[in-house]
PDB file of N, CA and C in Angstrom:
ATOM      1  N   UNK A   1      11.698  14.768 -12.775  1.00  0.00           N
ATOM      2  CA  UNK A   1      10.595  14.093 -13.492  1.00  0.00           C
ATOM      3  C   UNK A   1      10.425  14.732 -14.807  1.00  0.00           C
ATOM      4  N   UNK A   2      10.462  13.969 -15.810  1.00  0.00           N
ATOM      5  CA  UNK A   2      10.265  14.556 -17.199  1.00  0.00           C
ATOM      6  C   UNK A   2       8.806  14.831 -17.445  1.00  0.00           C
ATOM      7  N   UNK A   3       8.559  15.926 -18.094  1.00  0.00           N
ATOM      8  CA  UNK A   3       7.225  16.280 -18.444  1.00  0.00           C
ATOM      9  C   UNK A   3       6.544  15.217 -19.254  1.00  0.00           C
ATOM     10  N   UNK A   4       5.352  14.846 -18.796  1.00  0.00           N
ATOM     11  CA  UNK A   4       4.569  13.814 -19.514  1.00  0.00           C
ATOM     12  C   UNK A   4       4.849  12.429 -18.936  1.00  0.00           C
ATOM     13  N   UNK A   5       5.859  12.283 -18.129  1.00  0.00           N
ATOM     14  CA  UNK A   5       6.119  10.992 -17.519  1.00  0.00           C
ATOM     15  C   UNK A   5       5.405  10.816 -16.189  1.00  0.00           C
ATOM     16  N   UNK A   6       4.119  10.623 -16.303  1.00  0.00           N
ATOM     17  CA  UNK A   6       3.296  10.583 -15.067  1.00  0.00           C
ATOM     18  C   UNK A   6       3.582   9.311 -14.201  1.00  0.00           C
ATOM     19  N   UNK A   7       4.257   8.333 -14.789  1.00  0.00           N
ATOM     20  CA  UNK A   7       4.398   7.123 -14.030  1.00  0.00           C
ATOM     21  C   UNK A   7       5.817   7.059 -13.395  1.00  0.00           C
ATOM     22  N   UNK A   8       6.530   8.191 -13.290  1.00  0.00           N
ATOM     23  CA  UNK A   8       7.912   8.102 -12.760  1.00  0.00           C
ATOM     24  C   UNK A   8       7.848   8.116 -11.223  1.00  0.00           C
ATOM     25  N   UNK A   9       6.746   8.597 -10.641  1.00  0.00           N
ATOM     26  CA  UNK A   9       6.690   8.408  -9.130  1.00  0.00           C
ATOM     27  C   UNK A   9       5.174   8.356  -8.810  1.00  0.00           C
ATOM     28  N   UNK A  10       4.925   7.706  -7.709  1.00  0.00           N
ATOM     29  CA  UNK A  10       3.553   7.528  -7.186  1.00  0.00           C
ATOM     30  C   UNK A  10       3.574   7.824  -5.653  1.00  0.00           C
ATOM     31  N   UNK A  11       2.391   8.107  -5.184  1.00  0.00           N
ATOM     32  CA  UNK A  11       2.191   8.254  -3.767  1.00  0.00           C
ATOM     33  C   UNK A  11       1.261   7.181  -3.319  1.00  0.00           C
ATOM     34  N   UNK A  12       1.645   6.470  -2.223  1.00  0.00           N
ATOM     35  CA  UNK A  12       0.863   5.351  -1.779  1.00  0.00           C
ATOM     36  C   UNK A  12       0.939   5.210  -0.233  1.00  0.00           C
ATOM     37  N   UNK A  13      -0.114   4.500   0.221  1.00  0.00           N
ATOM     38  CA  UNK A  13      -0.147   4.015   1.561  1.00  0.00           C
ATOM     39  C   UNK A  13      -0.220   2.568   1.611  1.00  0.00           C
ATOM     40  N   UNK A  14       0.080   1.957   2.735  1.00  0.00           N
ATOM     41  CA  UNK A  14       0.061   0.473   2.828  1.00  0.00           C
ATOM     42  C   UNK A  14      -0.277   0.034   4.222  1.00  0.00           C
ATOM     43  N   UNK A  15      -0.723  -1.201   4.318  1.00  0.00           N
ATOM     44  CA  UNK A  15      -0.930  -1.868   5.557  1.00  0.00           C
ATOM     45  C   UNK A  15      -0.073  -3.100   5.498  1.00  0.00           C
ATOM     46  N   UNK A  16       0.815  -3.272   6.402  1.00  0.00           N
ATOM     47  CA  UNK A  16       1.733  -4.428   6.440  1.00  0.00           C
ATOM     48  C   UNK A  16       1.445  -5.311   7.647  1.00  0.00           C
ATOM     49  N   UNK A  17       1.253  -6.648   7.422  1.00  0.00           N
ATOM     50  CA  UNK A  17       1.005  -7.550   8.491  1.00  0.00           C
ATOM     51  C   UNK A  17       1.828  -8.806   8.220  1.00  0.00           C
ATOM     52  N   UNK A  18       2.070  -9.646   9.241  1.00  0.00           N
ATOM     53  CA  UNK A  18       2.841 -10.874   9.063  1.00  0.00           C
ATOM     54  C   UNK A  18       2.019 -11.995   8.484  1.00  0.00           C
ATOM     55  N   UNK A  19       0.778 -12.107   9.001  1.00  0.00           N
ATOM     56  CA  UNK A  19       0.010 -13.311   8.663  1.00  0.00           C
ATOM     57  C   UNK A  19      -0.936 -13.085   7.517  1.00  0.00           C
ATOM     58  N   UNK A  20      -1.010 -14.047   6.624  1.00  0.00           N
ATOM     59  CA  UNK A  20      -1.862 -13.940   5.507  1.00  0.00           C
ATOM     60  C   UNK A  20      -3.419 -13.820   5.914  1.00  0.00           C
ATOM     61  N   UNK A  21      -3.791 -14.585   6.973  1.00  0.00           N
ATOM     62  CA  UNK A  21      -5.093 -14.601   7.477  1.00  0.00           C
ATOM     63  C   UNK A  21      -5.469 -13.247   7.982  1.00  0.00           C
ATOM     64  N   UNK A  22      -4.615 -12.557   8.609  1.00  0.00           N
ATOM     65  CA  UNK A  22      -4.889 -11.161   9.100  1.00  0.00           C
ATOM     66  C   UNK A  22      -5.050 -10.206   7.916  1.00  0.00           C
ATOM     67  N   UNK A  23      -4.175 -10.396   6.894  1.00  0.00           N
ATOM     68  CA  UNK A  23      -4.356  -9.511   5.767  1.00  0.00           C
ATOM     69  C   UNK A  23      -5.641  -9.711   5.021  1.00  0.00           C
ATOM     70  N   UNK A  24      -6.074 -10.975   4.906  1.00  0.00           N
ATOM     71  CA  UNK A  24      -7.301 -11.285   4.199  1.00  0.00           C
ATOM     72  C   UNK A  24      -8.510 -10.597   4.960  1.00  0.00           C
ATOM     73  N   UNK A  25      -8.458 -10.651   6.338  1.00  0.00           N
ATOM     74  CA  UNK A  25      -9.483 -10.099   7.185  1.00  0.00           C
ATOM     75  C   UNK A  25      -9.547  -8.597   6.919  1.00  0.00           C
ATOM     76  N   UNK A  26      -8.322  -7.918   6.875  1.00  0.00           N
ATOM     77  CA  UNK A  26      -8.328  -6.518   6.735  1.00  0.00           C
ATOM     78  C   UNK A  26      -8.816  -6.076   5.359  1.00  0.00           C
ATOM     79  N   UNK A  27      -8.459  -6.922   4.338  1.00  0.00           N
ATOM     80  CA  UNK A  27      -8.930  -6.599   2.971  1.00  0.00           C
ATOM     81  C   UNK A  27     -10.451  -6.702   2.976  1.00  0.00           C
ATOM     82  N   UNK A  28     -11.003  -7.660   3.648  1.00  0.00           N
ATOM     83  CA  UNK A  28     -12.456  -7.749   3.708  1.00  0.00           C
ATOM     84  C   UNK A  28     -13.106  -6.568   4.357  1.00  0.00           C
ATOM     85  N   UNK A  29     -12.538  -6.036   5.461  1.00  0.00           N
ATOM     86  CA  UNK A  29     -12.970  -4.832   6.097  1.00  0.00           C
ATOM     87  C   UNK A  29     -12.944  -3.672   5.085  1.00  0.00           C
ATOM     88  N   UNK A  30     -11.895  -3.568   4.364  1.00  0.00           N
ATOM     89  CA  UNK A  30     -11.752  -2.451   3.352  1.00  0.00           C
ATOM     90  C   UNK A  30     -12.834  -2.528   2.327  1.00  0.00           C
ATOM     91  N   UNK A  31     -13.100  -3.752   1.777  1.00  0.00           N
ATOM     92  CA  UNK A  31     -14.124  -3.994   0.785  1.00  0.00           C
ATOM     93  C   UNK A  31     -15.567  -3.661   1.364  1.00  0.00           C
ATOM     94  N   UNK A  32     -15.572  -3.712   2.689  1.00  0.00           N
ATOM     95  CA  UNK A  32     -16.891  -3.445   3.401  1.00  0.00           C
ATOM     96  C   UNK A  32     -16.974  -1.940   3.681  1.00  0.00           C
ATOM     97  N   UNK A  33     -16.017  -1.174   3.248  1.00  0.00           N
ATOM     98  CA  UNK A  33     -16.115   0.326   3.482  1.00  0.00           C
ATOM     99  C   UNK A  33     -15.305   0.908   4.667  1.00  0.00           C
ATOM    100  N   UNK A  34     -14.483   0.089   5.319  1.00  0.00           N
ATOM    101  CA  UNK A  34     -13.667   0.517   6.375  1.00  0.00           C
ATOM    102  C   UNK A  34     -12.633   1.564   5.894  1.00  0.00           C
ATOM    103  N   UNK A  35     -12.239   2.488   6.821  1.00  0.00           N
ATOM    104  CA  UNK A  35     -11.278   3.502   6.477  1.00  0.00           C
ATOM    105  C   UNK A  35      -9.839   2.915   6.440  1.00  0.00           C
ATOM    106  N   UNK A  36      -9.160   3.142   5.327  1.00  0.00           N
ATOM    107  CA  UNK A  36      -7.905   2.580   5.108  1.00  0.00           C
ATOM    108  C   UNK A  36      -6.893   3.057   6.230  1.00  0.00           C
ATOM    109  N   UNK A  37      -6.819   4.346   6.437  1.00  0.00           N
ATOM    110  CA  UNK A  37      -5.858   4.978   7.413  1.00  0.00           C
ATOM    111  C   UNK A  37      -6.085   4.483   8.824  1.00  0.00           C
ATOM    112  N   UNK A  38      -7.380   4.308   9.166  1.00  0.00           N
ATOM    113  CA  UNK A  38      -7.730   3.788  10.514  1.00  0.00           C
ATOM    114  C   UNK A  38      -7.159   2.393  10.653  1.00  0.00           C
ATOM    115  N   UNK A  39      -7.434   1.505   9.599  1.00  0.00           N
ATOM    116  CA  UNK A  39      -6.944   0.151   9.677  1.00  0.00           C
ATOM    117  C   UNK A  39      -5.419   0.061   9.733  1.00  0.00           C
ATOM    118  N   UNK A  40      -4.793   0.964   9.007  1.00  0.00           N
ATOM    119  CA  UNK A  40      -3.381   0.995   8.994  1.00  0.00           C
ATOM    120  C   UNK A  40      -2.826   1.338  10.418  1.00  0.00           C
ATOM    121  N   UNK A  41      -3.387   2.337  11.012  1.00  0.00           N
ATOM    122  CA  UNK A  41      -3.015   2.683  12.357  1.00  0.00           C
ATOM    123  C   UNK A  41      -3.219   1.553  13.348  1.00  0.00           C
ATOM    124  N   UNK A  42      -4.273   0.845  13.152  1.00  0.00           N
ATOM    125  CA  UNK A  42      -4.612  -0.253  14.096  1.00  0.00           C
ATOM    126  C   UNK A  42      -3.816  -1.495  13.909  1.00  0.00           C
ATOM    127  N   UNK A  43      -3.504  -1.851  12.666  1.00  0.00           N
ATOM    128  CA  UNK A  43      -2.933  -3.221  12.349  1.00  0.00           C
ATOM    129  C   UNK A  43      -1.563  -3.205  11.789  1.00  0.00           C
ATOM    130  N   UNK A  44      -1.147  -2.195  11.049  1.00  0.00           N
ATOM    131  CA  UNK A  44       0.142  -2.222  10.286  1.00  0.00           C
ATOM    132  C   UNK A  44       1.342  -2.314  11.228  1.00  0.00           C
ATOM    133  N   UNK A  45       2.281  -3.163  10.844  1.00  0.00           N
ATOM    134  CA  UNK A  45       3.559  -3.300  11.657  1.00  0.00           C
ATOM    135  C   UNK A  45       4.623  -2.388  11.101  1.00  0.00           C
ATOM    136  N   UNK A  46       4.341  -1.629  10.017  1.00  0.00           N
ATOM    137  CA  UNK A  46       5.356  -0.692   9.454  1.00  0.00           C
ATOM    138  C   UNK A  46       5.317   0.601  10.312  1.00  0.00           C
ATOM    139  N   UNK A  47       6.453   1.292  10.456  1.00  0.00           N
ATOM    140  CA  UNK A  47       6.469   2.579  11.130  1.00  0.00           C
ATOM    141  C   UNK A  47       5.517   3.600  10.490  1.00  0.00           C
ATOM    142  N   UNK A  48       5.105   3.421   9.153  1.00  0.00           N
ATOM    143  CA  UNK A  48       4.219   4.334   8.503  1.00  0.00           C
ATOM    144  C   UNK A  48       2.850   4.207   9.157  1.00  0.00           C
ATOM    145  N   UNK A  49       2.567   3.249   9.987  1.00  0.00           N
ATOM    146  CA  UNK A  49       1.214   3.059  10.557  1.00  0.00           C
ATOM    147  C   UNK A  49       0.760   4.313  11.294  1.00  0.00           C
ATOM    148  N   UNK A  50       1.653   4.952  12.001  1.00  0.00           N
ATOM    149  CA  UNK A  50       1.199   6.169  12.701  1.00  0.00           C
ATOM    150  C   UNK A  50       0.749   7.322  11.828  1.00  0.00           C
ATOM    151  N   UNK A  51       1.106   7.228  10.535  1.00  0.00           N
ATOM    152  CA  UNK A  51       0.640   8.209   9.548  1.00  0.00           C
ATOM    153  C   UNK A  51      -0.431   7.672   8.682  1.00  0.00           C
ATOM    154  N   UNK A  52      -1.127   6.662   9.245  1.00  0.00           N
ATOM    155  CA  UNK A  52      -2.197   6.009   8.473  1.00  0.00           C
ATOM    156  C   UNK A  52      -1.723   5.137   7.288  1.00  0.00           C
ATOM    157  N   UNK A  53      -0.479   4.721   7.340  1.00  0.00           N
ATOM    158  CA  UNK A  53       0.134   3.945   6.261  1.00  0.00           C
ATOM    159  C   UNK A  53       0.774   4.754   5.144  1.00  0.00           C
ATOM    160  N   UNK A  54       0.766   6.062   5.282  1.00  0.00           N
ATOM    161  CA  UNK A  54       1.270   6.863   4.222  1.00  0.00           C
ATOM    162  C   UNK A  54       2.766   6.744   4.051  1.00  0.00           C
ATOM    163  N   UNK A  55       3.139   6.352   2.774  1.00  0.00           N
ATOM    164  CA  UNK A  55       4.543   6.248   2.478  1.00  0.00           C
ATOM    165  C   UNK A  55       5.132   7.423   1.719  1.00  0.00           C
ATOM    166  N   UNK A  56       4.243   8.412   1.380  1.00  0.00           N
ATOM    167  CA  UNK A  56       4.674   9.520   0.647  1.00  0.00           C
ATOM    168  C   UNK A  56       4.923   9.138  -0.821  1.00  0.00           C
ATOM    169  N   UNK A  57       5.638   9.987  -1.547  1.00  0.00           N
ATOM    170  CA  UNK A  57       5.959   9.746  -2.971  1.00  0.00           C
ATOM    171  C   UNK A  57       7.235   8.841  -3.045  1.00  0.00           C
ATOM    172  N   UNK A  58       7.282   7.932  -4.056  1.00  0.00           N
ATOM    173  CA  UNK A  58       8.471   7.206  -4.247  1.00  0.00           C
ATOM    174  C   UNK A  58       8.598   6.921  -5.752  1.00  0.00           C
ATOM    175  N   UNK A  59       9.796   6.677  -6.212  1.00  0.00           N
ATOM    176  CA  UNK A  59      10.079   6.383  -7.600  1.00  0.00           C
ATOM    177  C   UNK A  59      10.428   4.925  -7.789  1.00  0.00           C
ATOM    178  N   UNK A  60      10.479   4.466  -9.077  1.00  0.00           N
ATOM    179  CA  UNK A  60      10.796   3.128  -9.307  1.00  0.00           C
ATOM    180  C   UNK A  60      12.284   2.833  -8.767  1.00  0.00           C
ATOM    181  N   UNK A  61      12.435   1.629  -8.205  1.00  0.00           N
ATOM    182  CA  UNK A  61      13.694   1.291  -7.616  1.00  0.00           C
ATOM    183  C   UNK A  61      13.844   1.557  -6.127  1.00  0.00           C
ATOM    184  N   UNK A  62      12.867   2.222  -5.495  1.00  0.00           N
ATOM    185  CA  UNK A  62      12.957   2.539  -4.118  1.00  0.00           C
ATOM    186  C   UNK A  62      12.297   1.420  -3.238  1.00  0.00           C
ATOM    187  N   UNK A  63      11.385   0.753  -3.768  1.00  0.00           N
ATOM    188  CA  UNK A  63      10.655  -0.306  -3.035  1.00  0.00           C
ATOM    189  C   UNK A  63      11.012  -1.713  -3.574  1.00  0.00           C
ATOM    190  N   UNK A  64      10.758  -2.779  -2.882  1.00  0.00           N
ATOM    191  CA  UNK A  64      10.955  -4.140  -3.302  1.00  0.00           C
ATOM    192  C   UNK A  64      10.053  -4.362  -4.632  1.00  0.00           C
ATOM    193  N   UNK A  65      10.486  -5.198  -5.507  1.00  0.00           N
ATOM    194  CA  UNK A  65       9.853  -5.322  -6.837  1.00  0.00           C
ATOM    195  C   UNK A  65       8.361  -5.638  -6.796  1.00  0.00           C
ATOM    196  N   UNK A  66       7.917  -6.573  -6.041  1.00  0.00           N
ATOM    197  CA  UNK A  66       6.492  -6.909  -6.036  1.00  0.00           C
ATOM    198  C   UNK A  66       5.622  -5.736  -5.557  1.00  0.00           C
ATOM    199  N   UNK A  67       6.152  -5.008  -4.563  1.00  0.00           N
ATOM    200  CA  UNK A  67       5.426  -3.905  -4.048  1.00  0.00           C
ATOM    201  C   UNK A  67       5.399  -2.742  -5.083  1.00  0.00           C
ATOM    202  N   UNK A  68       6.536  -2.509  -5.604  1.00  0.00           N
ATOM    203  CA  UNK A  68       6.611  -1.408  -6.660  1.00  0.00           C
ATOM    204  C   UNK A  68       5.742  -1.719  -7.887  1.00  0.00           C
ATOM    205  N   UNK A  69       5.735  -2.926  -8.343  1.00  0.00           N
ATOM    206  CA  UNK A  69       4.983  -3.344  -9.550  1.00  0.00           C
ATOM    207  C   UNK A  69       3.495  -3.091  -9.275  1.00  0.00           C
ATOM    208  N   UNK A  70       3.017  -3.489  -8.078  1.00  0.00           N
ATOM    209  CA  UNK A  70       1.629  -3.304  -7.756  1.00  0.00           C
ATOM    210  C   UNK A  70       1.329  -1.823  -7.599  1.00  0.00           C
ATOM    211  N   UNK A  71       2.067  -1.086  -6.810  1.00  0.00           N
ATOM    212  CA  UNK A  71       1.821   0.307  -6.604  1.00  0.00           C
ATOM    213  C   UNK A  71       1.717   1.105  -7.928  1.00  0.00           C
ATOM    214  N   UNK A  72       2.616   0.876  -8.816  1.00  0.00           N
ATOM    215  CA  UNK A  72       2.560   1.536 -10.111  1.00  0.00           C
ATOM    216  C   UNK A  72       1.440   1.137 -11.002  1.00  0.00           C
ATOM    217  N   UNK A  73       0.921  -0.061 -10.788  1.00  0.00           N
ATOM    218  CA  UNK A  73      -0.209  -0.597 -11.632  1.00  0.00           C
ATOM    219  C   UNK A  73      -1.614  -0.090 -11.223  1.00  0.00           C
ATOM    220  N   UNK A  74      -1.641   0.418  -9.999  1.00  0.00           N
ATOM    221  CA  UNK A  74      -2.996   0.866  -9.441  1.00  0.00           C
ATOM    222  C   UNK A  74      -3.336   2.232  -9.959  1.00  0.00           C
ATOM    223  N   UNK A  75      -4.631   2.454 -10.113  1.00  0.00           N
ATOM    224  CA  UNK A  75      -5.147   3.787 -10.397  1.00  0.00           C
ATOM    225  C   UNK A  75      -5.256   4.583  -9.133  1.00  0.00           C
ATOM    226  N   UNK A  76      -5.367   5.852  -9.250  1.00  0.00           N
ATOM    227  CA  UNK A  76      -5.520   6.665  -7.978  1.00  0.00           C
ATOM    228  C   UNK A  76      -6.744   6.253  -7.207  1.00  0.00           C
ATOM    229  N   UNK A  77      -6.602   6.052  -5.928  1.00  0.00           N
ATOM    230  CA  UNK A  77      -7.679   5.647  -5.067  1.00  0.00           C
ATOM    231  C   UNK A  77      -7.906   4.139  -5.004  1.00  0.00           C
ATOM    232  N   UNK A  78      -7.312   3.359  -5.937  1.00  0.00           N
ATOM    233  CA  UNK A  78      -7.462   1.918  -5.955  1.00  0.00           C
ATOM    234  C   UNK A  78      -6.669   1.237  -4.816  1.00  0.00           C
ATOM    235  N   UNK A  79      -7.213   0.132  -4.346  1.00  0.00           N
ATOM    236  CA  UNK A  79      -6.649  -0.672  -3.400  1.00  0.00           C
ATOM    237  C   UNK A  79      -6.258  -2.003  -3.870  1.00  0.00           C
ATOM    238  N   UNK A  80      -5.001  -2.474  -3.659  1.00  0.00           N
ATOM    239  CA  UNK A  80      -4.578  -3.772  -4.195  1.00  0.00           C
ATOM    240  C   UNK A  80      -5.192  -4.884  -3.434  1.00  0.00           C
ATOM    241  N   UNK A  81      -4.877  -6.025  -4.011  1.00  0.00           N
ATOM    242  CA  UNK A  81      -5.087  -7.292  -3.327  1.00  0.00           C
ATOM    243  C   UNK A  81      -3.886  -7.507  -2.361  1.00  0.00           C
ATOM    244  N   UNK A  82      -3.629  -8.713  -1.917  1.00  0.00           N
ATOM    245  CA  UNK A  82      -2.472  -9.008  -1.103  1.00  0.00           C
ATOM    246  C   UNK A  82      -1.270  -9.077  -1.875  1.00  0.00           C
ATOM    247  N   UNK A  83      -0.186  -8.406  -1.407  1.00  0.00           N
ATOM    248  CA  UNK A  83       1.107  -8.463  -2.065  1.00  0.00           C
ATOM    249  C   UNK A  83       2.112  -8.967  -1.055  1.00  0.00           C
ATOM    250  N   UNK A  84       2.664 -10.197  -1.318  1.00  0.00           N
ATOM    251  CA  UNK A  84       3.593 -10.772  -0.478  1.00  0.00           C
ATOM    252  C   UNK A  84       5.001 -10.408  -0.758  1.00  0.00           C
ATOM    253  N   UNK A  85       5.756  -9.926   0.215  1.00  0.00           N
ATOM    254  CA  UNK A  85       7.229  -9.665   0.121  1.00  0.00           C
ATOM    255  C   UNK A  85       7.953 -10.314   1.355  1.00  0.00           C
ATOM    256  N   UNK A  86       9.166 -10.113   1.360  1.00  0.00           N
ATOM    257  CA  UNK A  86       9.987 -10.718   2.503  1.00  0.00           C
ATOM    258  C   UNK A  86       9.536 -10.085   3.836  1.00  0.00           C
ATOM    259  N   UNK A  87       8.868  -8.938   3.827  1.00  0.00           N
ATOM    260  CA  UNK A  87       8.463  -8.230   5.057  1.00  0.00           C
ATOM    261  C   UNK A  87       7.140  -8.765   5.613  1.00  0.00           C
ATOM    262  N   UNK A  88       6.324  -9.401   4.714  1.00  0.00           N
ATOM    263  CA  UNK A  88       5.023  -9.879   5.111  1.00  0.00           C
ATOM    264  C   UNK A  88       3.998  -9.627   3.980  1.00  0.00           C
ATOM    265  N   UNK A  89       2.763  -9.367   4.344  1.00  0.00           N
ATOM    266  CA  UNK A  89       1.669  -9.129   3.429  1.00  0.00           C
ATOM    267  C   UNK A  89       1.274  -7.678   3.424  1.00  0.00           C
ATOM    268  N   UNK A  90       1.329  -7.021   2.268  1.00  0.00           N
ATOM    269  CA  UNK A  90       0.963  -5.667   2.069  1.00  0.00           C
ATOM    270  C   UNK A  90      -0.419  -5.513   1.390  1.00  0.00           C
ATOM    271  N   UNK A  91      -1.146  -4.480   1.817  1.00  0.00           N
ATOM    272  CA  UNK A  91      -2.314  -4.095   1.091  1.00  0.00           C
ATOM    273  C   UNK A  91      -2.001  -2.650   0.760  1.00  0.00           C
ATOM    274  N   UNK A  92      -1.978  -2.295  -0.513  1.00  0.00           N
ATOM    275  CA  UNK A  92      -1.497  -1.013  -0.965  1.00  0.00           C
ATOM    276  C   UNK A  92      -2.589  -0.130  -1.534  1.00  0.00           C
ATOM    277  N   UNK A  93      -2.600   1.136  -1.107  1.00  0.00           N
ATOM    278  CA  UNK A  93      -3.643   2.044  -1.712  1.00  0.00           C
ATOM    279  C   UNK A  93      -2.791   3.192  -2.451  1.00  0.00           C
ATOM    280  N   UNK A  94      -3.076   3.283  -3.728  1.00  0.00           N
ATOM    281  CA  UNK A  94      -2.440   4.413  -4.386  1.00  0.00           C
ATOM    282  C   UNK A  94      -3.224   5.676  -4.112  1.00  0.00           C
ATOM    283  N   UNK A  95      -2.452   6.749  -3.616  1.00  0.00           N
ATOM    284  CA  UNK A  95      -3.220   7.923  -3.243  1.00  0.00           C
ATOM    285  C   UNK A  95      -2.941   9.107  -4.157  1.00  0.00           C
ATOM    286  N   UNK A  96      -1.963   8.989  -5.045  1.00  0.00           N
ATOM    287  CA  UNK A  96      -1.658  10.090  -5.994  1.00  0.00           C
ATOM    288  C   UNK A  96      -0.857   9.560  -7.167  1.00  0.00           C
TER     289      UNK A  96
END
């Protein structure tokens, strides 16, 4: 990582579900103050669910485009809207 290039990698968590309706309901719970990690453990279909959705650090080019674009556009602590990929619907939280 080059000095000063703060956008070369991010750390994020996500919740992945198949149905848009389920993703919308989870997003509503998050906006109501629900705990992101708890909802990830309860609902996410990704193996990261057992870690509360934590994906760790990743760089550009490691994730599918729509996911990457959203993750890199969020500020620390921000939660995305719904992000549709071939895997389903993601809700992404930038953690670092």
